[in-house]
Full PDB file with SEQRES, HELIX, SHEET, SSBOND, CRYST1, ORIGX, SCALE, CONECT and MASTER records, all heavy atoms in Angstrom:
SEQRES   1 A   39  GLY GLY PRO ARG PRO GLU ASP SER TYR LEU ASN GLY GLN          
SEQRES   2 A   39  ARG ILE ILE SER ALA ALA LEU ALA THR GLY ALA GLN ALA          
SEQRES   3 A   39  ILE HIS PRO GLY TYR GLY PHE LEU SER GLU ASN ALA GLY          
HELIX    1 AA1 PRO A    5  ASP A    7  5                                   3    
HELIX    2 AA2 GLY A   12  THR A   22  1                                  11    
CRYST1    1.000    1.000    1.000  90.00  90.00  90.00 P 1           1          
ORIGX1      1.000000  0.000000  0.000000        0.00000                         
ORIGX2      0.000000  1.000000  0.000000        0.00000                         
ORIGX3      0.000000  0.000000  1.000000        0.00000                         
SCALE1      1.000000  0.000000  0.000000        0.00000                         
SCALE2      0.000000  1.000000  0.000000        0.00000                         
SCALE3      0.000000  0.000000  1.000000        0.00000                         
ATOM      1  N   GLY A   1     118.646  95.295 177.607  1.00  0.00           N  
ATOM      2  CA  GLY A   1     117.259  94.847 177.533  1.00  0.00           C  
ATOM      3  C   GLY A   1     117.043  93.667 176.621  1.00  0.00           C  
ATOM      4  O   GLY A   1     117.978  93.024 176.142  1.00  0.00           O  
ATOM      5  N   GLY A   2     115.774  93.393 176.364  1.00  0.00           N  
ATOM      6  CA  GLY A   2     115.366  92.253 175.570  1.00  0.00           C  
ATOM      7  C   GLY A   2     115.624  92.418 174.092  1.00  0.00           C  
ATOM      8  O   GLY A   2     116.139  93.442 173.622  1.00  0.00           O  
ATOM      9  N   PRO A   3     115.258  91.393 173.297  1.00  0.00           N  
ATOM     10  CA  PRO A   3     115.564  91.380 171.872  1.00  0.00           C  
ATOM     11  C   PRO A   3     114.878  92.488 171.069  1.00  0.00           C  
ATOM     12  O   PRO A   3     115.448  92.982 170.103  1.00  0.00           O  
ATOM     13  CB  PRO A   3     115.069  89.996 171.408  1.00  0.00           C  
ATOM     14  CG  PRO A   3     114.991  89.182 172.651  1.00  0.00           C  
ATOM     15  CD  PRO A   3     114.645  90.130 173.743  1.00  0.00           C  
ATOM     16  N   ARG A   4     113.681  92.877 171.465  1.00  0.00           N  
ATOM     17  CA  ARG A   4     112.955  93.873 170.683  1.00  0.00           C  
ATOM     18  C   ARG A   4     113.657  95.223 170.773  1.00  0.00           C  
ATOM     19  O   ARG A   4     114.104  95.628 171.853  1.00  0.00           O  
ATOM     20  CB  ARG A   4     111.514  93.994 171.158  1.00  0.00           C  
ATOM     21  CG  ARG A   4     110.691  92.724 171.020  1.00  0.00           C  
ATOM     22  CD  ARG A   4     109.225  92.995 171.357  1.00  0.00           C  
ATOM     23  NE  ARG A   4     109.099  93.627 172.666  1.00  0.00           N  
ATOM     24  CZ  ARG A   4     107.985  94.195 173.116  1.00  0.00           C  
ATOM     25  NH1 ARG A   4     106.893  94.198 172.369  1.00  0.00           N  
ATOM     26  NH2 ARG A   4     107.941  94.745 174.322  1.00  0.00           N  
ATOM     27  N   PRO A   5     113.763  95.935 169.653  1.00  0.00           N  
ATOM     28  CA  PRO A   5     114.460  97.221 169.689  1.00  0.00           C  
ATOM     29  C   PRO A   5     113.932  98.195 170.742  1.00  0.00           C  
ATOM     30  O   PRO A   5     114.720  98.886 171.402  1.00  0.00           O  
ATOM     31  CB  PRO A   5     114.227  97.779 168.272  1.00  0.00           C  
ATOM     32  CG  PRO A   5     114.058  96.562 167.427  1.00  0.00           C  
ATOM     33  CD  PRO A   5     113.333  95.574 168.293  1.00  0.00           C  
ATOM     34  N   GLU A   6     112.613  98.224 170.929  1.00  0.00           N  
ATOM     35  CA  GLU A   6     112.056  99.155 171.912  1.00  0.00           C  
ATOM     36  C   GLU A   6     112.462  98.815 173.339  1.00  0.00           C  
ATOM     37  O   GLU A   6     112.392  99.656 174.238  1.00  0.00           O  
ATOM     38  CB  GLU A   6     110.529  99.206 171.787  1.00  0.00           C  
ATOM     39  CG  GLU A   6     109.835  97.864 171.924  1.00  0.00           C  
ATOM     40  CD  GLU A   6     109.582  97.187 170.585  1.00  0.00           C  
ATOM     41  OE1 GLU A   6     110.438  97.328 169.677  1.00  0.00           O  
ATOM     42  OE2 GLU A   6     108.540  96.541 170.459  1.00  0.00           O  
ATOM     43  N   ASP A   7     112.891  97.583 173.561  1.00  0.00           N  
ATOM     44  CA  ASP A   7     113.342  97.177 174.892  1.00  0.00           C  
ATOM     45  C   ASP A   7     114.844  97.354 175.102  1.00  0.00           C  
ATOM     46  O   ASP A   7     115.334  97.157 176.219  1.00  0.00           O  
ATOM     47  CB  ASP A   7     112.977  95.703 175.147  1.00  0.00           C  
ATOM     48  CG  ASP A   7     111.484  95.464 175.173  1.00  0.00           C  
ATOM     49  OD1 ASP A   7     110.751  96.397 175.547  1.00  0.00           O  
ATOM     50  OD2 ASP A   7     111.058  94.352 174.791  1.00  0.00           O  
ATOM     51  N   SER A   8     115.567  97.690 174.037  1.00  0.00           N  
ATOM     52  CA  SER A   8     117.030  97.757 174.133  1.00  0.00           C  
ATOM     53  C   SER A   8     117.595  98.945 173.379  1.00  0.00           C  
ATOM     54  O   SER A   8     117.813 100.007 173.964  1.00  0.00           O  
ATOM     55  CB  SER A   8     117.636  96.452 173.631  1.00  0.00           C  
ATOM     56  OG  SER A   8     117.118  96.074 172.368  1.00  0.00           O  
ATOM     57  N   TYR A   9     117.787  98.802 172.078  1.00  0.00           N  
ATOM     58  CA  TYR A   9     118.490  99.844 171.304  1.00  0.00           C  
ATOM     59  C   TYR A   9     117.675 101.119 171.126  1.00  0.00           C  
ATOM     60  O   TYR A   9     118.236 102.156 170.787  1.00  0.00           O  
ATOM     61  CB  TYR A   9     118.897  99.279 169.943  1.00  0.00           C  
ATOM     62  CG  TYR A   9     119.854  98.113 170.034  1.00  0.00           C  
ATOM     63  CD1 TYR A   9     119.436  96.816 169.722  1.00  0.00           C  
ATOM     64  CD2 TYR A   9     121.166  98.284 170.460  1.00  0.00           C  
ATOM     65  CE1 TYR A   9     120.288  95.737 169.816  1.00  0.00           C  
ATOM     66  CE2 TYR A   9     122.041  97.219 170.564  1.00  0.00           C  
ATOM     67  CZ  TYR A   9     121.589  95.932 170.243  1.00  0.00           C  
ATOM     68  OH  TYR A   9     122.450  94.857 170.355  1.00  0.00           O  
ATOM     69  N   LEU A  10     116.389 101.055 171.384  1.00  0.00           N  
ATOM     70  CA  LEU A  10     115.556 102.254 171.324  1.00  0.00           C  
ATOM     71  C   LEU A  10     115.183 102.762 172.711  1.00  0.00           C  
ATOM     72  O   LEU A  10     114.421 103.717 172.830  1.00  0.00           O  
ATOM     73  CB  LEU A  10     114.284 101.982 170.510  1.00  0.00           C  
ATOM     74  CG  LEU A  10     114.463 101.831 168.991  1.00  0.00           C  
ATOM     75  CD1 LEU A  10     113.154 101.406 168.344  1.00  0.00           C  
ATOM     76  CD2 LEU A  10     114.963 103.129 168.378  1.00  0.00           C  
ATOM     77  N   ASN A  11     115.707 102.127 173.729  1.00  0.00           N  
ATOM     78  CA  ASN A  11     115.389 102.515 175.094  1.00  0.00           C  
ATOM     79  C   ASN A  11     116.439 103.521 175.577  1.00  0.00           C  
ATOM     80  O   ASN A  11     117.494 103.171 176.118  1.00  0.00           O  
ATOM     81  CB  ASN A  11     115.372 101.285 176.009  1.00  0.00           C  
ATOM     82  CG  ASN A  11     114.759 101.595 177.370  1.00  0.00           C  
ATOM     83  OD1 ASN A  11     115.064 102.610 177.978  1.00  0.00           O  
ATOM     84  ND2 ASN A  11     113.885 100.710 177.839  1.00  0.00           N  
ATOM     85  N   GLY A  12     116.142 104.789 175.348  1.00  0.00           N  
ATOM     86  CA  GLY A  12     117.102 105.843 175.648  1.00  0.00           C  
ATOM     87  C   GLY A  12     117.513 105.904 177.108  1.00  0.00           C  
ATOM     88  O   GLY A  12     118.679 106.143 177.425  1.00  0.00           O  
ATOM     89  N   GLN A  13     116.574 105.692 178.025  1.00  0.00           N  
ATOM     90  CA  GLN A  13     116.887 105.799 179.456  1.00  0.00           C  
ATOM     91  C   GLN A  13     117.897 104.730 179.880  1.00  0.00           C  
ATOM     92  O   GLN A  13     118.820 104.986 180.637  1.00  0.00           O  
ATOM     93  CB  GLN A  13     115.608 105.663 180.284  1.00  0.00           C  
ATOM     94  CG  GLN A  13     114.721 106.906 180.255  1.00  0.00           C  
ATOM     95  CD  GLN A  13     115.298 108.039 181.108  1.00  0.00           C  
ATOM     96  OE1 GLN A  13     116.338 107.898 181.737  1.00  0.00           O  
ATOM     97  NE2 GLN A  13     114.641 109.190 181.100  1.00  0.00           N  
ATOM     98  N   ARG A  14     117.713 103.503 179.349  1.00  0.00           N  
ATOM     99  CA  ARG A  14     118.657 102.433 179.708  1.00  0.00           C  
ATOM    100  C   ARG A  14     120.037 102.686 179.129  1.00  0.00           C  
ATOM    101  O   ARG A  14     121.068 102.391 179.758  1.00  0.00           O  
ATOM    102  CB  ARG A  14     118.118 101.088 179.226  1.00  0.00           C  
ATOM    103  CG  ARG A  14     116.883 100.622 179.990  1.00  0.00           C  
ATOM    104  CD  ARG A  14     116.446  99.248 179.547  1.00  0.00           C  
ATOM    105  NE  ARG A  14     115.258  98.816 180.262  1.00  0.00           N  
ATOM    106  CZ  ARG A  14     114.629  97.677 180.061  1.00  0.00           C  
ATOM    107  NH1 ARG A  14     115.080  96.824 179.133  1.00  0.00           N  
ATOM    108  NH2 ARG A  14     113.554  97.357 180.761  1.00  0.00           N  
ATOM    109  N   ILE A  15     120.076 103.237 177.916  1.00  0.00           N  
ATOM    110  CA  ILE A  15     121.374 103.543 177.310  1.00  0.00           C  
ATOM    111  C   ILE A  15     122.088 104.672 178.071  1.00  0.00           C  
ATOM    112  O   ILE A  15     123.303 104.607 178.318  1.00  0.00           O  
ATOM    113  CB  ILE A  15     121.192 103.893 175.809  1.00  0.00           C  
ATOM    114  CG1 ILE A  15     120.780 102.647 175.030  1.00  0.00           C  
ATOM    115  CG2 ILE A  15     122.459 104.506 175.229  1.00  0.00           C  
ATOM    116  CD1 ILE A  15     120.356 102.913 173.621  1.00  0.00           C  
ATOM    117  N   ILE A  16     121.338 105.683 178.482  1.00  0.00           N  
ATOM    118  CA  ILE A  16     121.896 106.744 179.303  1.00  0.00           C  
ATOM    119  C   ILE A  16     122.450 106.181 180.600  1.00  0.00           C  
ATOM    120  O   ILE A  16     123.558 106.511 181.052  1.00  0.00           O  
ATOM    121  CB  ILE A  16     120.847 107.831 179.609  1.00  0.00           C  
ATOM    122  CG1 ILE A  16     120.451 108.583 178.316  1.00  0.00           C  
ATOM    123  CG2 ILE A  16     121.348 108.807 180.671  1.00  0.00           C  
ATOM    124  CD1 ILE A  16     121.494 109.495 177.770  1.00  0.00           C  
ATOM    125  N   SER A  17     121.691 105.287 181.226  1.00  0.00           N  
ATOM    126  CA  SER A  17     122.126 104.674 182.479  1.00  0.00           C  
ATOM    127  C   SER A  17     123.430 103.893 182.289  1.00  0.00           C  
ATOM    128  O   SER A  17     124.329 103.932 183.141  1.00  0.00           O  
ATOM    129  CB  SER A  17     121.046 103.741 183.019  1.00  0.00           C  
ATOM    130  OG  SER A  17     119.870 104.459 183.357  1.00  0.00           O  
ATOM    131  N   ALA A  18     123.535 103.173 181.156  1.00  0.00           N  
ATOM    132  CA  ALA A  18     124.757 102.428 180.862  1.00  0.00           C  
ATOM    133  C   ALA A  18     125.934 103.361 180.706  1.00  0.00           C  
ATOM    134  O   ALA A  18     127.059 103.074 181.161  1.00  0.00           O  
ATOM    135  CB  ALA A  18     124.559 101.577 179.613  1.00  0.00           C  
ATOM    136  N   ALA A  19     125.724 104.489 180.053  1.00  0.00           N  
ATOM    137  CA  ALA A  19     126.801 105.463 179.852  1.00  0.00           C  
ATOM    138  C   ALA A  19     127.267 106.038 181.181  1.00  0.00           C  
ATOM    139  O   ALA A  19     128.470 106.133 181.449  1.00  0.00           O  
ATOM    140  CB  ALA A  19     126.346 106.584 178.929  1.00  0.00           C  
ATOM    141  N   LEU A  20     126.331 106.395 182.043  1.00  0.00           N  
ATOM    142  CA  LEU A  20     126.682 106.972 183.337  1.00  0.00           C  
ATOM    143  C   LEU A  20     127.363 105.942 184.225  1.00  0.00           C  
ATOM    144  O   LEU A  20     128.338 106.244 184.926  1.00  0.00           O  
ATOM    145  CB  LEU A  20     125.420 107.511 184.024  1.00  0.00           C  
ATOM    146  CG  LEU A  20     124.712 108.684 183.308  1.00  0.00           C  
ATOM    147  CD1 LEU A  20     123.422 109.022 184.015  1.00  0.00           C  
ATOM    148  CD2 LEU A  20     125.632 109.906 183.242  1.00  0.00           C  
ATOM    149  N   ALA A  21     126.877 104.697 184.183  1.00  0.00           N  
ATOM    150  CA  ALA A  21     127.450 103.652 185.029  1.00  0.00           C  
ATOM    151  C   ALA A  21     128.873 103.290 184.652  1.00  0.00           C  
ATOM    152  O   ALA A  21     129.679 102.892 185.499  1.00  0.00           O  
ATOM    153  CB  ALA A  21     126.564 102.407 184.988  1.00  0.00           C  
ATOM    154  N   THR A  22     129.185 103.413 183.368  1.00  0.00           N  
ATOM    155  CA  THR A  22     130.526 103.035 182.891  1.00  0.00           C  
ATOM    156  C   THR A  22     131.487 104.220 182.782  1.00  0.00           C  
ATOM    157  O   THR A  22     132.661 104.044 182.431  1.00  0.00           O  
ATOM    158  CB  THR A  22     130.426 102.357 181.512  1.00  0.00           C  
ATOM    159  OG1 THR A  22     129.746 103.242 180.592  1.00  0.00           O  
ATOM    160  CG2 THR A  22     129.660 101.045 181.590  1.00  0.00           C  
ATOM    161  N   GLY A  23     130.987 105.421 183.049  1.00  0.00           N  
ATOM    162  CA  GLY A  23     131.854 106.588 182.996  1.00  0.00           C  
ATOM    163  C   GLY A  23     132.104 107.117 181.595  1.00  0.00           C  
ATOM    164  O   GLY A  23     133.076 107.867 181.378  1.00  0.00           O  
ATOM    165  N   ALA A  24     131.249 106.767 180.634  1.00  0.00           N  
ATOM    166  CA  ALA A  24     131.384 107.300 179.283  1.00  0.00           C  
ATOM    167  C   ALA A  24     131.064 108.789 179.305  1.00  0.00           C  
ATOM    168  O   ALA A  24     130.175 109.243 180.020  1.00  0.00           O  
ATOM    169  CB  ALA A  24     130.463 106.555 178.327  1.00  0.00           C  
ATOM    170  N   GLN A  25     131.766 109.546 178.482  1.00  0.00           N  
ATOM    171  CA  GLN A  25     131.530 110.991 178.396  1.00  0.00           C  
ATOM    172  C   GLN A  25     130.671 111.375 177.200  1.00  0.00           C  
ATOM    173  O   GLN A  25     130.114 112.466 177.166  1.00  0.00           O  
ATOM    174  CB  GLN A  25     132.878 111.716 178.288  1.00  0.00           C  
ATOM    175  CG  GLN A  25     133.798 111.456 179.469  1.00  0.00           C  
ATOM    176  CD  GLN A  25     135.248 111.390 179.018  1.00  0.00           C  
ATOM    177  OE1 GLN A  25     135.574 110.817 177.993  1.00  0.00           O  
ATOM    178  NE2 GLN A  25     136.134 112.000 179.802  1.00  0.00           N  
ATOM    179  N   ALA A  26     130.584 110.475 176.219  1.00  0.00           N  
ATOM    180  CA  ALA A  26     129.846 110.778 174.990  1.00  0.00           C  
ATOM    181  C   ALA A  26     129.190 109.531 174.471  1.00  0.00           C  
ATOM    182  O   ALA A  26     129.585 108.399 174.807  1.00  0.00           O  
ATOM    183  CB  ALA A  26     130.797 111.349 173.941  1.00  0.00           C  
ATOM    184  N   ILE A  27     128.164 109.722 173.641  1.00  0.00           N  
ATOM    185  CA  ILE A  27     127.434 108.608 173.021  1.00  0.00           C  
ATOM    186  C   ILE A  27     127.422 108.805 171.522  1.00  0.00           C  
ATOM    187  O   ILE A  27     127.014 109.849 171.022  1.00  0.00           O  
ATOM    188  CB  ILE A  27     125.996 108.521 173.558  1.00  0.00           C  
ATOM    189  CG1 ILE A  27     126.000 108.172 175.042  1.00  0.00           C  
ATOM    190  CG2 ILE A  27     125.190 107.480 172.783  1.00  0.00           C  
ATOM    191  CD1 ILE A  27     124.625 108.080 175.670  1.00  0.00           C  
ATOM    192  N   HIS A  28     127.876 107.787 170.801  1.00  0.00           N  
ATOM    193  CA  HIS A  28     127.787 107.810 169.328  1.00  0.00           C  
ATOM    194  C   HIS A  28     126.610 106.921 168.933  1.00  0.00           C  
ATOM    195  O   HIS A  28     126.590 105.724 169.236  1.00  0.00           O  
ATOM    196  CB  HIS A  28     129.079 107.278 168.703  1.00  0.00           C  
ATOM    197  CG  HIS A  28     129.203 107.648 167.253  1.00  0.00           C  
ATOM    198  ND1 HIS A  28     128.207 107.406 166.309  1.00  0.00           N  
ATOM    199  CD2 HIS A  28     130.217 108.243 166.561  1.00  0.00           C  
ATOM    200  CE1 HIS A  28     128.593 107.842 165.128  1.00  0.00           C  
ATOM    201  NE2 HIS A  28     129.799 108.368 165.252  1.00  0.00           N  
ATOM    202  N   PRO A  29     125.607 107.486 168.234  1.00  0.00           N  
ATOM    203  CA  PRO A  29     124.395 106.710 167.923  1.00  0.00           C  
ATOM    204  C   PRO A  29     124.481 105.911 166.633  1.00  0.00           C  
ATOM    205  O   PRO A  29     123.560 105.146 166.328  1.00  0.00           O  
ATOM    206  CB  PRO A  29     123.333 107.793 167.800  1.00  0.00           C  
ATOM    207  CG  PRO A  29     124.083 108.957 167.199  1.00  0.00           C  
ATOM    208  CD  PRO A  29     125.472 108.889 167.827  1.00  0.00           C  
ATOM    209  N   GLY A  30     125.572 106.079 165.850  1.00  0.00           N  
ATOM    210  CA  GLY A  30     125.647 105.363 164.562  1.00  0.00           C  
ATOM    211  C   GLY A  30     124.564 105.846 163.607  1.00  0.00           C  
ATOM    212  O   GLY A  30     124.319 107.049 163.472  1.00  0.00           O  
ATOM    213  N   TYR A  31     123.889 104.894 162.938  1.00  0.00           N  
ATOM    214  CA  TYR A  31     122.744 105.243 162.089  1.00  0.00           C  
ATOM    215  C   TYR A  31     121.557 104.369 162.515  1.00  0.00           C  
ATOM    216  O   TYR A  31     121.726 103.313 163.127  1.00  0.00           O  
ATOM    217  CB  TYR A  31     123.057 105.074 160.603  1.00  0.00           C  
ATOM    218  CG  TYR A  31     123.575 103.714 160.196  1.00  0.00           C  
ATOM    219  CD1 TYR A  31     122.746 102.590 160.159  1.00  0.00           C  
ATOM    220  CD2 TYR A  31     124.903 103.535 159.809  1.00  0.00           C  
ATOM    221  CE1 TYR A  31     123.222 101.350 159.780  1.00  0.00           C  
ATOM    222  CE2 TYR A  31     125.389 102.308 159.436  1.00  0.00           C  
ATOM    223  CZ  TYR A  31     124.543 101.210 159.420  1.00  0.00           C  
ATOM    224  OH  TYR A  31     125.020  99.974 159.043  1.00  0.00           O  
ATOM    225  N   GLY A  32     120.346 104.801 162.162  1.00  0.00           N  
ATOM    226  CA  GLY A  32     119.173 104.074 162.617  1.00  0.00           C  
ATOM    227  C   GLY A  32     118.955 104.240 164.113  1.00  0.00           C  
ATOM    228  O   GLY A  32     119.576 105.083 164.773  1.00  0.00           O  
ATOM    229  N   PHE A  33     118.044 103.441 164.673  1.00  0.00           N  
ATOM    230  CA  PHE A  33     117.743 103.484 166.104  1.00  0.00           C  
ATOM    231  C   PHE A  33     117.560 104.928 166.595  1.00  0.00           C  
ATOM    232  O   PHE A  33     116.676 105.626 166.125  1.00  0.00           O  
ATOM    233  CB  PHE A  33     118.791 102.719 166.907  1.00  0.00           C  
ATOM    234  CG  PHE A  33     118.785 101.236 166.656  1.00  0.00           C  
ATOM    235  CD1 PHE A  33     119.968 100.560 166.368  1.00  0.00           C  
ATOM    236  CD2 PHE A  33     117.610 100.497 166.678  1.00  0.00           C  
ATOM    237  CE1 PHE A  33     119.968  99.174 166.136  1.00  0.00           C  
ATOM    238  CE2 PHE A  33     117.599  99.125 166.453  1.00  0.00           C  
ATOM    239  CZ  PHE A  33     118.778  98.478 166.173  1.00  0.00           C  
ATOM    240  N   LEU A  34     118.417 105.399 167.488  1.00  0.00           N  
ATOM    241  CA  LEU A  34     118.228 106.715 168.115  1.00  0.00           C  
ATOM    242  C   LEU A  34     119.042 107.830 167.452  1.00  0.00           C  
ATOM    243  O   LEU A  34     119.129 108.941 167.971  1.00  0.00           O  
ATOM    244  CB  LEU A  34     118.597 106.641 169.601  1.00  0.00           C  
ATOM    245  CG  LEU A  34     117.693 105.731 170.445  1.00  0.00           C  
ATOM    246  CD1 LEU A  34     118.307 105.532 171.827  1.00  0.00           C  
ATOM    247  CD2 LEU A  34     116.290 106.293 170.555  1.00  0.00           C  
ATOM    248  N   SER A  35     119.626 107.544 166.296  1.00  0.00           N  
ATOM    249  CA  SER A  35     120.560 108.502 165.677  1.00  0.00           C  
ATOM    250  C   SER A  35     119.900 109.810 165.258  1.00  0.00           C  
ATOM    251  O   SER A  35     120.564 110.849 165.210  1.00  0.00           O  
ATOM    252  CB  SER A  35     121.245 107.877 164.469  1.00  0.00           C  
ATOM    253  OG  SER A  35     120.296 107.536 163.469  1.00  0.00           O  
ATOM    254  N   GLU A  36     118.620 109.798 164.947  1.00  0.00           N  
ATOM    255  CA  GLU A  36     117.921 111.025 164.556  1.00  0.00           C  
ATOM    256  C   GLU A  36     116.748 111.309 165.501  1.00  0.00           C  
ATOM    257  O   GLU A  36     115.756 111.894 165.117  1.00  0.00           O  
ATOM    258  CB  GLU A  36     117.436 110.906 163.107  1.00  0.00           C  
ATOM    259  CG  GLU A  36     118.574 110.879 162.094  1.00  0.00           C  
ATOM    260  CD  GLU A  36     118.105 110.780 160.651  1.00  0.00           C  
ATOM    261  OE1 GLU A  36     117.656 109.694 160.253  1.00  0.00           O  
ATOM    262  OE2 GLU A  36     118.190 111.792 159.929  1.00  0.00           O  
ATOM    263  N   ASN A  37     116.934 110.902 166.743  1.00  0.00           N  
ATOM    264  CA  ASN A  37     115.911 111.102 167.756  1.00  0.00           C  
ATOM    265  C   ASN A  37     116.267 112.347 168.581  1.00  0.00           C  
ATOM    266  O   ASN A  37     117.190 112.305 169.397  1.00  0.00           O  
ATOM    267  CB  ASN A  37     115.816 109.857 168.652  1.00  0.00           C  
ATOM    268  CG  ASN A  37     114.669 109.910 169.631  1.00  0.00           C  
ATOM    269  OD1 ASN A  37     114.555 110.844 170.416  1.00  0.00           O  
ATOM    270  ND2 ASN A  37     113.819 108.900 169.580  1.00  0.00           N  
ATOM    271  N   ALA A  38     115.547 113.424 168.341  1.00  0.00           N  
ATOM    272  CA  ALA A  38     115.861 114.679 169.034  1.00  0.00           C  
ATOM    273  C   ALA A  38     115.685 114.540 170.543  1.00  0.00           C  
ATOM    274  O   ALA A  38     116.448 115.123 171.320  1.00  0.00           O  
ATOM    275  CB  ALA A  38     114.950 115.789 168.497  1.00  0.00           C  
ATOM    276  N   GLY A  39     114.692 113.749 170.960  1.00  0.00           N  
ATOM    277  CA  GLY A  39     114.478 113.543 172.394  1.00  0.00           C  
ATOM    278  C   GLY A  39     115.673 112.893 173.062  1.00  0.00           C  
ATOM    279  O   GLY A  39     116.064 113.281 174.174  1.00  0.00           O  
TER     280      GLY A  39                                                      
MASTER        0    0    0    2    0    0    0    6  279    1    0    3          
END                                                                             
């Protein structure tokens, strides 16, 4: 997505789509952004 965090690093659906499209089995959130997002 775009430069704003809400359009990219905070966009959970797009990140999930990227994981599924590339065949990733797990997601590491690091710190900040979605790392403490229960949803």
